[in-house]
C-alpha atoms as a PDB file:
ATOM      1  CA  MET A   1     103.336  97.258  83.522  1.00  0.00           C
ATOM      2  CA  ASP A   2     101.945  98.432  80.213  1.00  0.00           C
ATOM      3  CA  LEU A   3      98.962 100.117  81.810  1.00  0.00           C
ATOM      4  CA  VAL A   4      97.659 103.673  81.581  1.00  0.00           C
ATOM      5  CA  VAL A   5      96.211 104.738  84.935  1.00  0.00           C
ATOM      6  CA  GLY A   6      94.245 107.863  85.707  1.00  0.00           C
ATOM      7  CA  VAL A   7      94.179 108.939  89.348  1.00  0.00           C
ATOM      8  CA  LEU A   8      91.257 111.285  89.811  1.00  0.00           C
ATOM      9  CA  GLY A   9      92.047 113.710  92.612  1.00  0.00           C
ATOM     10  CA  ALA A  10      95.347 115.415  93.399  1.00  0.00           C
ATOM     11  CA  GLY A  11      94.972 115.481  97.191  1.00  0.00           C
ATOM     12  CA  ARG A  12      97.128 113.565  99.663  1.00  0.00           C
ATOM     13  CA  ILE A  13      95.828 110.038  98.972  1.00  0.00           C
ATOM     14  CA  GLY A  14      95.620 110.633  95.198  1.00  0.00           C
ATOM     15  CA  ARG A  15      99.283 111.666  95.085  1.00  0.00           C
ATOM     16  CA  GLN A  16     100.315 108.582  97.015  1.00  0.00           C
ATOM     17  CA  ILE A  17      98.303 106.227  94.803  1.00  0.00           C
ATOM     18  CA  ALA A  18      99.719 107.851  91.665  1.00  0.00           C
ATOM     19  CA  LEU A  19     103.222 107.323  93.081  1.00  0.00           C
ATOM     20  CA  ALA A  20     102.486 103.649  93.825  1.00  0.00           C
ATOM     21  CA  PHE A  21     101.334 103.004  90.243  1.00  0.00           C
ATOM     22  CA  ALA A  22     104.288 104.910  88.771  1.00  0.00           C
ATOM     23  CA  LEU A  23     106.697 102.920  90.921  1.00  0.00           C
ATOM     24  CA  GLY A  24     105.085  99.785  89.501  1.00  0.00           C
ATOM     25  CA  GLY A  25     105.927 100.857  85.964  1.00  0.00           C
ATOM     26  CA  CYS A  26     102.529 102.250  84.921  1.00  0.00           C
ATOM     27  CA  ARG A  27     102.045 105.454  82.954  1.00  0.00           C
ATOM     28  CA  VAL A  28     100.052 107.624  85.337  1.00  0.00           C
ATOM     29  CA  ARG A  29      97.938 110.722  84.906  1.00  0.00           C
ATOM     30  CA  LEU A  30      97.431 112.594  88.140  1.00  0.00           C
ATOM     31  CA  ILE A  31      94.247 114.537  87.481  1.00  0.00           C
ATOM     32  CA  ASP A  32      93.013 117.600  89.350  1.00  0.00           C
ATOM     33  CA  ALA A  33      89.245 117.101  89.000  1.00  0.00           C
ATOM     34  CA  LYS A  34      88.136 120.149  90.973  1.00  0.00           C
ATOM     35  CA  GLU A  35      86.799 123.112  89.040  1.00  0.00           C
ATOM     36  CA  ARG A  36      89.087 126.031  89.848  1.00  0.00           C
ATOM     37  CA  PRO A  37      91.102 128.757  88.055  1.00  0.00           C
ATOM     38  CA  ALA A  38      93.943 127.437  85.905  1.00  0.00           C
ATOM     39  CA  ALA A  39      96.600 129.126  88.019  1.00  0.00           C
ATOM     40  CA  GLU A  40      95.248 127.501  91.187  1.00  0.00           C
ATOM     41  CA  ALA A  41      95.103 124.101  89.518  1.00  0.00           C
ATOM     42  CA  GLY A  42      98.701 124.577  88.426  1.00  0.00           C
ATOM     43  CA  ARG A  43      99.743 125.290  92.021  1.00  0.00           C
ATOM     44  CA  VAL A  44      97.947 122.192  93.296  1.00  0.00           C
ATOM     45  CA  LEU A  45      99.632 119.946  90.742  1.00  0.00           C
ATOM     46  CA  ALA A  46     103.033 121.548  91.301  1.00  0.00           C
ATOM     47  CA  ASP A  47     102.646 120.923  95.038  1.00  0.00           C
ATOM     48  CA  ALA A  48     101.641 117.322  94.336  1.00  0.00           C
ATOM     49  CA  ARG A  49     104.713 116.755  92.141  1.00  0.00           C
ATOM     50  CA  ALA A  50     106.978 118.293  94.771  1.00  0.00           C
ATOM     51  CA  GLU A  51     105.518 116.028  97.471  1.00  0.00           C
ATOM     52  CA  ILE A  52     105.913 112.970  95.257  1.00  0.00           C
ATOM     53  CA  ALA A  53     109.535 113.893  94.483  1.00  0.00           C
ATOM     54  CA  ARG A  54     110.203 114.372  98.197  1.00  0.00           C
ATOM     55  CA  ASP A  55     108.772 110.939  99.064  1.00  0.00           C
ATOM     56  CA  LEU A  56     110.736 109.269  96.274  1.00  0.00           C
ATOM     57  CA  GLY A  57     113.872 110.858  97.677  1.00  0.00           C
ATOM     58  CA  LEU A  58     113.067 109.514 101.147  1.00  0.00           C
ATOM     59  CA  MET A  59     112.400 106.052  99.746  1.00  0.00           C
ATOM     60  CA  ALA A  60     115.794 106.117  98.040  1.00  0.00           C
ATOM     61  CA  GLU A  61     117.530 107.355 101.209  1.00  0.00           C
ATOM     62  CA  GLU A  62     115.964 104.503 103.177  1.00  0.00           C
ATOM     63  CA  ASP A  63     116.972 101.937 100.498  1.00  0.00           C
ATOM     64  CA  VAL A  64     113.376 101.058  99.682  1.00  0.00           C
ATOM     65  CA  ILE A  65     114.070 101.913  96.028  1.00  0.00           C
ATOM     66  CA  ARG A  66     117.259 102.588  94.096  1.00  0.00           C
ATOM     67  CA  GLN A  67     118.375 106.169  93.540  1.00  0.00           C
ATOM     68  CA  GLY A  68     118.158 105.581  89.804  1.00  0.00           C
ATOM     69  CA  ASP A  69     114.439 104.783  90.112  1.00  0.00           C
ATOM     70  CA  VAL A  70     113.562 108.314  91.212  1.00  0.00           C
ATOM     71  CA  ALA A  71     113.860 110.066  87.856  1.00  0.00           C
ATOM     72  CA  ALA A  72     112.338 107.142  85.949  1.00  0.00           C
ATOM     73  CA  THR A  73     109.294 107.139  88.261  1.00  0.00           C
ATOM     74  CA  LEU A  74     108.750 110.876  87.934  1.00  0.00           C
ATOM     75  CA  ALA A  75     108.993 110.533  84.140  1.00  0.00           C
ATOM     76  CA  ARG A  76     106.006 108.153  84.171  1.00  0.00           C
ATOM     77  CA  LEU A  77     103.812 110.764  85.900  1.00  0.00           C
ATOM     78  CA  GLU A  78     101.785 113.357  84.000  1.00  0.00           C
ATOM     79  CA  ASP A  79      99.848 116.269  85.461  1.00  0.00           C
ATOM     80  CA  ARG A  80      96.373 116.750  83.998  1.00  0.00           C
ATOM     81  CA  VAL A  81      93.297 118.881  84.672  1.00  0.00           C
ATOM     82  CA  GLY A  82      89.649 117.953  84.195  1.00  0.00           C
ATOM     83  CA  LEU A  83      87.663 114.749  83.811  1.00  0.00           C
ATOM     84  CA  ALA A  84      88.421 114.535  80.082  1.00  0.00           C
ATOM     85  CA  ALA A  85      91.940 113.461  81.057  1.00  0.00           C
ATOM     86  CA  VAL A  86      90.692 109.928  81.835  1.00  0.00           C
ATOM     87  CA  GLU A  87      90.096 109.298  78.124  1.00  0.00           C
ATOM     88  CA  GLY A  88      92.163 106.321  77.009  1.00  0.00           C
ATOM     89  CA  CYS A  89      92.972 105.119  80.515  1.00  0.00           C
ATOM     90  CA  ASP A  90      92.825 101.381  81.239  1.00  0.00           C
ATOM     91  CA  LEU A  91      92.150 101.973  84.910  1.00  0.00           C
ATOM     92  CA  VAL A  92      90.738 105.029  86.657  1.00  0.00           C
ATOM     93  CA  GLN A  93      91.225 105.250  90.408  1.00  0.00           C
ATOM     94  CA  GLU A  94      88.927 107.866  91.936  1.00  0.00           C
ATOM     95  CA  ALA A  95      90.547 109.538  94.961  1.00  0.00           C
ATOM     96  CA  LEU A  96      88.077 112.285  95.861  1.00  0.00           C
ATOM     97  CA  PRO A  97      86.810 113.252  99.364  1.00  0.00           C
ATOM     98  CA  GLU A  98      84.583 110.757 101.202  1.00  0.00           C
ATOM     99  CA  SER A  99      81.238 112.132 100.029  1.00  0.00           C
ATOM    100  CA  VAL A 100      78.548 109.937  98.468  1.00  0.00           C
ATOM    101  CA  ASP A 101      77.060 112.883  96.566  1.00  0.00           C
ATOM    102  CA  LEU A 102      80.389 114.064  95.177  1.00  0.00           C
ATOM    103  CA  LYS A 103      81.439 110.601  94.062  1.00  0.00           C
ATOM    104  CA  ARG A 104      78.064 109.819  92.455  1.00  0.00           C
ATOM    105  CA  GLU A 105      77.991 113.149  90.612  1.00  0.00           C
ATOM    106  CA  THR A 106      81.561 112.594  89.352  1.00  0.00           C
ATOM    107  CA  PHE A 107      80.830 109.040  88.205  1.00  0.00           C
ATOM    108  CA  LYS A 108      77.842 110.255  86.191  1.00  0.00           C
ATOM    109  CA  ARG A 109      79.984 112.865  84.446  1.00  0.00           C
ATOM    110  CA  LEU A 110      82.700 110.283  83.736  1.00  0.00           C
ATOM    111  CA  SER A 111      80.284 108.189  81.661  1.00  0.00           C
ATOM    112  CA  ALA A 112      80.853 110.376  78.593  1.00  0.00           C
ATOM    113  CA  VAL A 113      84.660 110.031  78.589  1.00  0.00           C
ATOM    114  CA  LEU A 114      85.555 106.727  80.233  1.00  0.00           C
ATOM    115  CA  ALA A 115      86.650 104.019  77.766  1.00  0.00           C
ATOM    116  CA  PRO A 116      84.147 101.129  77.551  1.00  0.00           C
ATOM    117  CA  GLY A 117      86.754  98.598  78.639  1.00  0.00           C
ATOM    118  CA  ALA A 118      88.213 100.667  81.493  1.00  0.00           C
ATOM    119  CA  THR A 119      87.952  99.661  85.132  1.00  0.00           C
ATOM    120  CA  LEU A 120      86.674 102.344  87.502  1.00  0.00           C
ATOM    121  CA  ALA A 121      87.811 101.986  91.129  1.00  0.00           C
ATOM    122  CA  SER A 122      86.750 104.170  94.025  1.00  0.00           C
ATOM    123  CA  THR A 123      89.138 104.726  96.904  1.00  0.00           C
ATOM    124  CA  SER A 124      86.232 105.031  99.353  1.00  0.00           C
ATOM    125  CA  SER A 125      87.200 104.038 102.878  1.00  0.00           C
ATOM    126  CA  THR A 126      83.671 103.404 104.203  1.00  0.00           C
ATOM    127  CA  ILE A 127      81.085 103.795 101.439  1.00  0.00           C
ATOM    128  CA  SER A 128      79.733 100.515 100.050  1.00  0.00           C
ATOM    129  CA  PRO A 129      80.089 100.119  96.283  1.00  0.00           C
ATOM    130  CA  SER A 130      76.386  99.200  96.182  1.00  0.00           C
ATOM    131  CA  HIS A 131      75.645 102.799  97.263  1.00  0.00           C
ATOM    132  CA  LEU A 132      77.578 104.137  94.286  1.00  0.00           C
ATOM    133  CA  MET A 133      77.220 101.634  91.448  1.00  0.00           C
ATOM    134  CA  ASP A 134      73.955 102.961  89.975  1.00  0.00           C
ATOM    135  CA  ALA A 135      75.747 106.248  89.185  1.00  0.00           C
ATOM    136  CA  VAL A 136      78.240 104.368  86.994  1.00  0.00           C
ATOM    137  CA  ALA A 137      77.517 103.817  83.291  1.00  0.00           C
ATOM    138  CA  ARG A 138      79.013 100.290  83.292  1.00  0.00           C
ATOM    139  CA  PRO A 139      78.625  99.094  86.893  1.00  0.00           C
ATOM    140  CA  GLU A 140      80.010  95.642  86.027  1.00  0.00           C
ATOM    141  CA  ARG A 141      83.418  97.348  85.624  1.00  0.00           C
ATOM    142  CA  PHE A 142      83.195  99.244  88.932  1.00  0.00           C
ATOM    143  CA  LEU A 143      84.499  98.317  92.396  1.00  0.00           C
ATOM    144  CA  VAL A 144      86.149  99.861  95.443  1.00  0.00           C
ATOM    145  CA  ALA A 145      89.919  99.685  95.837  1.00  0.00           C
ATOM    146  CA  HIS A 146      90.554 101.125  99.296  1.00  0.00           C
ATOM    147  CA  TRP A 147      94.197 102.176  99.809  1.00  0.00           C
ATOM    148  CA  LEU A 148      95.499 103.035 103.269  1.00  0.00           C
ATOM    149  CA  ASN A 149      97.332 106.287 103.943  1.00  0.00           C
ATOM    150  CA  PRO A 150     100.249 106.569 103.123  1.00  0.00           C
ATOM    151  CA  ALA A 151      99.253 104.547 100.078  1.00  0.00           C
ATOM    152  CA  HIS A 152     102.714 104.226  98.527  1.00  0.00           C
ATOM    153  CA  ILE A 153     104.024 102.665 101.768  1.00  0.00           C
ATOM    154  CA  ILE A 154     101.231 100.648 103.415  1.00  0.00           C
ATOM    155  CA  PRO A 155     100.980  97.274 101.611  1.00  0.00           C
ATOM    156  CA  LEU A 156      97.232  96.682 102.109  1.00  0.00           C
ATOM    157  CA  VAL A 157      94.585  97.508  99.491  1.00  0.00           C
ATOM    158  CA  GLU A 158      91.042  96.287 100.152  1.00  0.00           C
ATOM    159  CA  VAL A 159      89.237  95.235  96.972  1.00  0.00           C
ATOM    160  CA  VAL A 160      85.446  95.418  97.355  1.00  0.00           C
ATOM    161  CA  PRO A 161      83.212  94.402  94.420  1.00  0.00           C
ATOM    162  CA  SER A 162      79.560  95.387  94.255  1.00  0.00           C
ATOM    163  CA  PRO A 163      76.885  92.701  93.692  1.00  0.00           C
ATOM    164  CA  VAL A 164      77.128  93.295  89.917  1.00  0.00           C
ATOM    165  CA  THR A 165      80.910  93.657  89.472  1.00  0.00           C
ATOM    166  CA  ASP A 166      82.260  91.280  86.806  1.00  0.00           C
ATOM    167  CA  PRO A 167      84.421  88.621  88.555  1.00  0.00           C
ATOM    168  CA  ALA A 168      87.024  89.023  85.801  1.00  0.00           C
ATOM    169  CA  VAL A 169      87.369  92.724  86.730  1.00  0.00           C
ATOM    170  CA  VAL A 170      87.945  91.751  90.360  1.00  0.00           C
ATOM    171  CA  GLU A 171      90.628  89.223  89.432  1.00  0.00           C
ATOM    172  CA  ARG A 172      92.339  91.670  87.089  1.00  0.00           C
ATOM    173  CA  THR A 173      92.372  94.330  89.828  1.00  0.00           C
ATOM    174  CA  LEU A 174      93.790  91.896  92.402  1.00  0.00           C
ATOM    175  CA  ASP A 175      96.488  90.876  89.890  1.00  0.00           C
ATOM    176  CA  THR A 176      97.405  94.486  89.064  1.00  0.00           C
ATOM    177  CA  LEU A 177      97.756  95.357  92.740  1.00  0.00           C
ATOM    178  CA  ALA A 178      99.853  92.259  93.441  1.00  0.00           C
ATOM    179  CA  ARG A 179     102.193  93.263  90.612  1.00  0.00           C
ATOM    180  CA  LEU A 180     102.637  96.620  92.356  1.00  0.00           C
ATOM    181  CA  GLY A 181     103.791  94.706  95.419  1.00  0.00           C
ATOM    182  CA  LYS A 182     100.577  95.336  97.349  1.00  0.00           C
ATOM    183  CA  THR A 183      98.747  92.893  99.601  1.00  0.00           C
ATOM    184  CA  ALA A 184      95.336  92.929  97.936  1.00  0.00           C
ATOM    185  CA  VAL A 185      92.558  91.515 100.102  1.00  0.00           C
ATOM    186  CA  ARG A 186      89.055  90.775  98.795  1.00  0.00           C
ATOM    187  CA  CYS A 187      86.224  91.986 101.018  1.00  0.00           C
ATOM    188  CA  GLY A 188      82.432  91.702 100.877  1.00  0.00           C
ATOM    189  CA  ASP A 189      80.220  94.727 100.200  1.00  0.00           C
ATOM    190  CA  ALA A 190      79.631  96.174 103.656  1.00  0.00           C
ATOM    191  CA  PRO A 191      80.169  99.685 105.081  1.00  0.00           C
ATOM    192  CA  GLY A 192      83.691 100.156 106.428  1.00  0.00           C
ATOM    193  CA  PHE A 193      85.087  96.993 104.810  1.00  0.00           C
ATOM    194  CA  ILE A 194      87.827  95.448 107.025  1.00  0.00           C
ATOM    195  CA  GLY A 195      90.365  98.044 108.159  1.00  0.00           C
ATOM    196  CA  PRO A 196      88.169 101.122 108.644  1.00  0.00           C
ATOM    197  CA  ARG A 197      85.480  99.088 110.430  1.00  0.00           C
ATOM    198  CA  MET A 198      88.002  97.886 113.018  1.00  0.00           C
ATOM    199  CA  GLN A 199      89.873 101.162 113.105  1.00  0.00           C
ATOM    200  CA  VAL A 200      86.854 103.346 113.864  1.00  0.00           C
ATOM    201  CA  VAL A 201      86.095 101.188 116.934  1.00  0.00           C
ATOM    202  CA  LEU A 202      89.727 101.283 118.077  1.00  0.00           C
ATOM    203  CA  MET A 203      90.138 105.029 117.569  1.00  0.00           C
ATOM    204  CA  ASN A 204      86.908 105.888 119.381  1.00  0.00           C
ATOM    205  CA  GLU A 205      87.867 103.611 122.273  1.00  0.00           C
ATOM    206  CA  ALA A 206      91.224 105.378 122.492  1.00  0.00           C
ATOM    207  CA  VAL A 207      89.451 108.750 122.667  1.00  0.00           C
ATOM    208  CA  ARG A 208      87.110 107.435 125.383  1.00  0.00           C
ATOM    209  CA  LEU A 209      90.144 106.404 127.484  1.00  0.00           C
ATOM    210  CA  VAL A 210      91.334 110.001 127.410  1.00  0.00           C
ATOM    211  CA  GLU A 211      87.815 111.398 127.799  1.00  0.00           C
ATOM    212  CA  GLN A 212      87.234 109.319 130.932  1.00  0.00           C
ATOM    213  CA  GLY A 213      90.625 110.189 132.441  1.00  0.00           C
ATOM    214  CA  VAL A 214      91.934 106.609 132.249  1.00  0.00           C
ATOM    215  CA  ALA A 215      95.154 107.657 130.480  1.00  0.00           C
ATOM    216  CA  SER A 216      96.687 110.537 128.590  1.00  0.00           C
ATOM    217  CA  ALA A 217      96.790 110.613 124.806  1.00  0.00           C
ATOM    218  CA  GLU A 218     100.587 110.265 125.026  1.00  0.00           C
ATOM    219  CA  ASP A 219     100.380 107.167 127.215  1.00  0.00           C
ATOM    220  CA  VAL A 220      97.687 105.568 125.075  1.00  0.00           C
ATOM    221  CA  ASP A 221      99.905 105.997 122.013  1.00  0.00           C
ATOM    222  CA  ARG A 222     102.969 104.672 123.865  1.00  0.00           C
ATOM    223  CA  ALA A 223     100.994 101.661 125.062  1.00  0.00           C
ATOM    224  CA  PHE A 224      99.650 100.966 121.585  1.00  0.00           C
ATOM    225  CA  ARG A 225     103.036 101.209 119.847  1.00  0.00           C
ATOM    226  CA  ALA A 226     104.800  99.019 122.403  1.00  0.00           C
ATOM    227  CA  GLY A 227     101.940  96.522 122.799  1.00  0.00           C
ATOM    228  CA  MET A 228      99.358  95.924 120.090  1.00  0.00           C
ATOM    229  CA  GLY A 229     101.321  97.792 117.439  1.00  0.00           C
ATOM    230  CA  PHE A 230     104.348  95.627 118.129  1.00  0.00           C
ATOM    231  CA  ARG A 231     102.384  92.359 118.331  1.00  0.00           C
ATOM    232  CA  TYR A 232     100.120  92.854 115.340  1.00  0.00           C
ATOM    233  CA  ALA A 233     102.974  93.780 113.029  1.00  0.00           C
ATOM    234  CA  THR A 234     103.654  90.038 112.814  1.00  0.00           C
ATOM    235  CA  VAL A 235     100.654  88.236 114.370  1.00  0.00           C
ATOM    236  CA  GLY A 236      97.156  88.397 112.855  1.00  0.00           C
ATOM    237  CA  LEU A 237      94.133  89.141 115.027  1.00  0.00           C
ATOM    238  CA  PHE A 238      92.628  85.669 114.643  1.00  0.00           C
ATOM    239  CA  GLU A 239      96.029  84.066 115.086  1.00  0.00           C
ATOM    240  CA  PHE A 240      96.369  85.885 118.411  1.00  0.00           C
ATOM    241  CA  ILE A 241      92.803  85.004 119.525  1.00  0.00           C
ATOM    242  CA  ASP A 242      93.763  81.344 119.028  1.00  0.00           C
ATOM    243  CA  TRP A 243      97.239  81.692 120.534  1.00  0.00           C
ATOM    244  CA  GLY A 244      95.980  83.500 123.626  1.00  0.00           C
ATOM    245  CA  GLY A 245      92.930  81.235 123.793  1.00  0.00           C
ATOM    246  CA  VAL A 246      89.359  81.750 122.634  1.00  0.00           C
ATOM    247  CA  ASP A 247      88.308  81.076 126.225  1.00  0.00           C
ATOM    248  CA  ILE A 248      90.513  83.990 127.417  1.00  0.00           C
ATOM    249  CA  LEU A 249      88.794  86.337 124.963  1.00  0.00           C
ATOM    250  CA  HIS A 250      85.405  84.997 126.139  1.00  0.00           C
ATOM    251  CA  ARG A 251      86.148  85.572 129.825  1.00  0.00           C
ATOM    252  CA  ALA A 252      87.693  89.003 129.228  1.00  0.00           C
ATOM    253  CA  SER A 253      84.722  90.055 127.119  1.00  0.00           C
ATOM    254  CA  ARG A 254      82.158  88.930 129.697  1.00  0.00           C
ATOM    255  CA  TYR A 255      84.029  90.678 132.515  1.00  0.00           C
ATOM    256  CA  MET A 256      84.338  93.938 130.540  1.00  0.00           C
ATOM    257  CA  ALA A 257      80.642  93.892 129.619  1.00  0.00           C
ATOM    258  CA  THR A 258      79.632  93.327 133.248  1.00  0.00           C
ATOM    259  CA  ALA A 259      82.163  95.758 134.800  1.00  0.00           C
ATOM    260  CA  THR A 260      81.326  98.600 132.439  1.00  0.00           C
ATOM    261  CA  GLY A 261      77.667  97.816 131.905  1.00  0.00           C
ATOM    262  CA  ASP A 262      78.277  98.226 128.183  1.00  0.00           C
ATOM    263  CA  GLU A 263      77.170  95.412 125.880  1.00  0.00           C
ATOM    264  CA  ARG A 264      79.594  96.482 123.159  1.00  0.00           C
ATOM    265  CA  TYR A 265      82.225  94.455 125.076  1.00  0.00           C
ATOM    266  CA  ALA A 266      80.124  91.282 125.157  1.00  0.00           C
ATOM    267  CA  PRO A 267      81.525  88.204 123.370  1.00  0.00           C
ATOM    268  CA  ALA A 268      80.683  87.818 119.694  1.00  0.00           C
ATOM    269  CA  ARG A 269      78.245  85.035 118.786  1.00  0.00           C
ATOM    270  CA  LEU A 270      80.960  83.095 116.987  1.00  0.00           C
ATOM    271  CA  VAL A 271      83.129  83.189 120.138  1.00  0.00           C
ATOM    272  CA  GLU A 272      80.253  81.674 122.112  1.00  0.00           C
ATOM    273  CA  GLU A 273      79.931  78.931 119.473  1.00  0.00           C
ATOM    274  CA  LYS A 274      83.661  78.167 119.657  1.00  0.00           C
ATOM    275  CA  ILE A 275      83.424  77.866 123.458  1.00  0.00           C
ATOM    276  CA  ALA A 276      80.509  75.434 123.134  1.00  0.00           C
ATOM    277  CA  ARG A 277      82.545  73.259 120.709  1.00  0.00           C
ATOM    278  CA  ASN A 278      85.722  73.491 122.870  1.00  0.00           C
ATOM    279  CA  GLU A 279      87.589  75.034 119.933  1.00  0.00           C
ATOM    280  CA  LEU A 280      89.878  77.171 122.043  1.00  0.00           C
ATOM    281  CA  GLY A 281      93.026  77.366 119.910  1.00  0.00           C
ATOM    282  CA  PRO A 282      96.265  75.351 119.726  1.00  0.00           C
ATOM    283  CA  LYS A 283      95.710  73.831 123.196  1.00  0.00           C
ATOM    284  CA  THR A 284      92.600  71.963 121.966  1.00  0.00           C
ATOM    285  CA  GLY A 285      93.792  71.371 118.383  1.00  0.00           C
ATOM    286  CA  ARG A 286      91.425  73.866 116.771  1.00  0.00           C
ATOM    287  CA  GLY A 287      90.295  77.429 117.228  1.00  0.00           C
ATOM    288  CA  PHE A 288      89.667  79.660 114.248  1.00  0.00           C
ATOM    289  CA  PHE A 289      92.457  77.652 112.555  1.00  0.00           C
ATOM    290  CA  ASP A 290      93.511  73.990 112.576  1.00  0.00           C
ATOM    291  CA  TYR A 291      96.407  72.956 114.819  1.00  0.00           C
ATOM    292  CA  ALA A 292      96.199  69.185 114.451  1.00  0.00           C
ATOM    293  CA  GLY A 293      99.385  67.095 114.471  1.00  0.00           C
ATOM    294  CA  GLU A 294     102.582  69.134 114.089  1.00  0.00           C
ATOM    295  CA  ARG A 295     100.721  72.331 113.205  1.00  0.00           C
ATOM    296  CA  ARG A 296     100.642  73.651 116.759  1.00  0.00           C
ATOM    297  CA  GLN A 297     104.403  73.460 117.207  1.00  0.00           C
ATOM    298  CA  ALA A 298     105.036  74.939 113.752  1.00  0.00           C
ATOM    299  CA  PHE A 299     102.575  77.790 114.358  1.00  0.00           C
ATOM    300  CA  GLU A 300     103.913  78.762 117.785  1.00  0.00           C
ATOM    301  CA  THR A 301     107.564  78.514 116.666  1.00  0.00           C
ATOM    302  CA  GLU A 302     106.864  80.698 113.628  1.00  0.00           C
ATOM    303  CA  LYS A 303     105.146  83.368 115.702  1.00  0.00           C
ATOM    304  CA  VAL A 304     107.771  83.447 118.433  1.00  0.00           C
ATOM    305  CA  ARG A 305     110.484  83.797 115.792  1.00  0.00           C
ATOM    306  CA  ALA A 306     108.573  86.594 114.059  1.00  0.00           C
ATOM    307  CA  LEU A 307     108.179  88.499 117.328  1.00  0.00           C
ATOM    308  CA  LEU A 308     111.851  88.020 118.224  1.00  0.00           C
ATOM    309  CA  ARG A 309     112.871  89.414 114.840  1.00  0.00           C
ATOM    310  CA  GLN A 310     110.565  92.354 115.391  1.00  0.00           C
ATOM    311  CA  LEU A 311     112.186  92.927 118.805  1.00  0.00           C
ATOM    312  CA  ARG A 312     115.642  92.815 117.260  1.00  0.00           C
ATOM    313  CA  ARG A 313     114.637  95.380 114.619  1.00  0.00           C
ATOM    314  CA  GLU A 314     113.178  97.663 117.297  1.00  0.00           C
ATOM    315  CA  ARG A 315     116.354  97.416 119.405  1.00  0.00           C
ATOM    316  CA  GLU A 316     118.614  98.041 116.421  1.00  0.00           C
ATOM    317  CA  ALA A 317     116.559 101.076 115.460  1.00  0.00           C
ATOM    318  CA  GLY A 318     116.782 102.365 119.041  1.00  0.00           C
ATOM    319  CA  ARG A 319     120.549 101.973 119.086  1.00  0.00           C
ATOM    320  CA  GLU A 320     120.847 103.859 115.800  1.00  0.00           C
ATOM    321  CA  GLN A 321     118.798 106.740 117.194  1.00  0.00           C
ATOM    322  CA  THR A 322     120.986 107.032 120.328  1.00  0.00           C
ATOM    323  CA  ALA A 323     124.328 106.537 118.507  1.00  0.00           C
END
């Protein structure tokens, strides 16, 4: 892509995002934005380049990219220091720590150097763009593009416009990410977006299991990898609610809420509405999705095949490890 991208922040996620853009053919400036002595900044950027080179090597070893792509990708990456390095960039991806004050202060300082036509994206994982946009000189060109760690590997990027983001900027961002090979998902302006909002609940629940002596951390992780991790690699959450049955989720939720005395397990309002309309999934022809006609058979066949392929991959990987 003929795009000049500035990645503001040379920490772990910034390095990964810079690598993803460089792999996609963009000219990338990885910018250390923190005020520090020149020698220290040099060490940070040298460490970043070494980590990027390492990951490119691993990607080549695992046949994710060709060996010949390694040098070409590194050649598209520049090391820069200071906010002035964003001058002339078409897209600036902020990748600073998750602090409202730090991001707002940085966005205000960027106003003097950011090109009028440039898109400014924050990599915030929880902060709503509406809590940041008034610190941006041209808020119509600002949105959140939330990458998941490790950003050069995980396909998902959540694109979250603020109430004043230009729709054309949103579409251009979605297109750019798709051309990088990412799965770009549009999300409404709400704290936590999609992934982090679900993940914070899941992670805290995992910690409570250990805290309450239900299971060890090791067994929780083993259960997750072999169960939900395996299933949800190929089956979406709403697909599984339908496939298992909305009524099953409803009964399980009511039992959990009663047995624990904790209303956080109670069924969601929309689940109650689905029960009232007898929209229980494939068995009634509709759940969260439509299964009329041949759709039920096609859906269930597709998902069983996907899970079997996942099982085959897992077994092949296991055999390779023990060979």
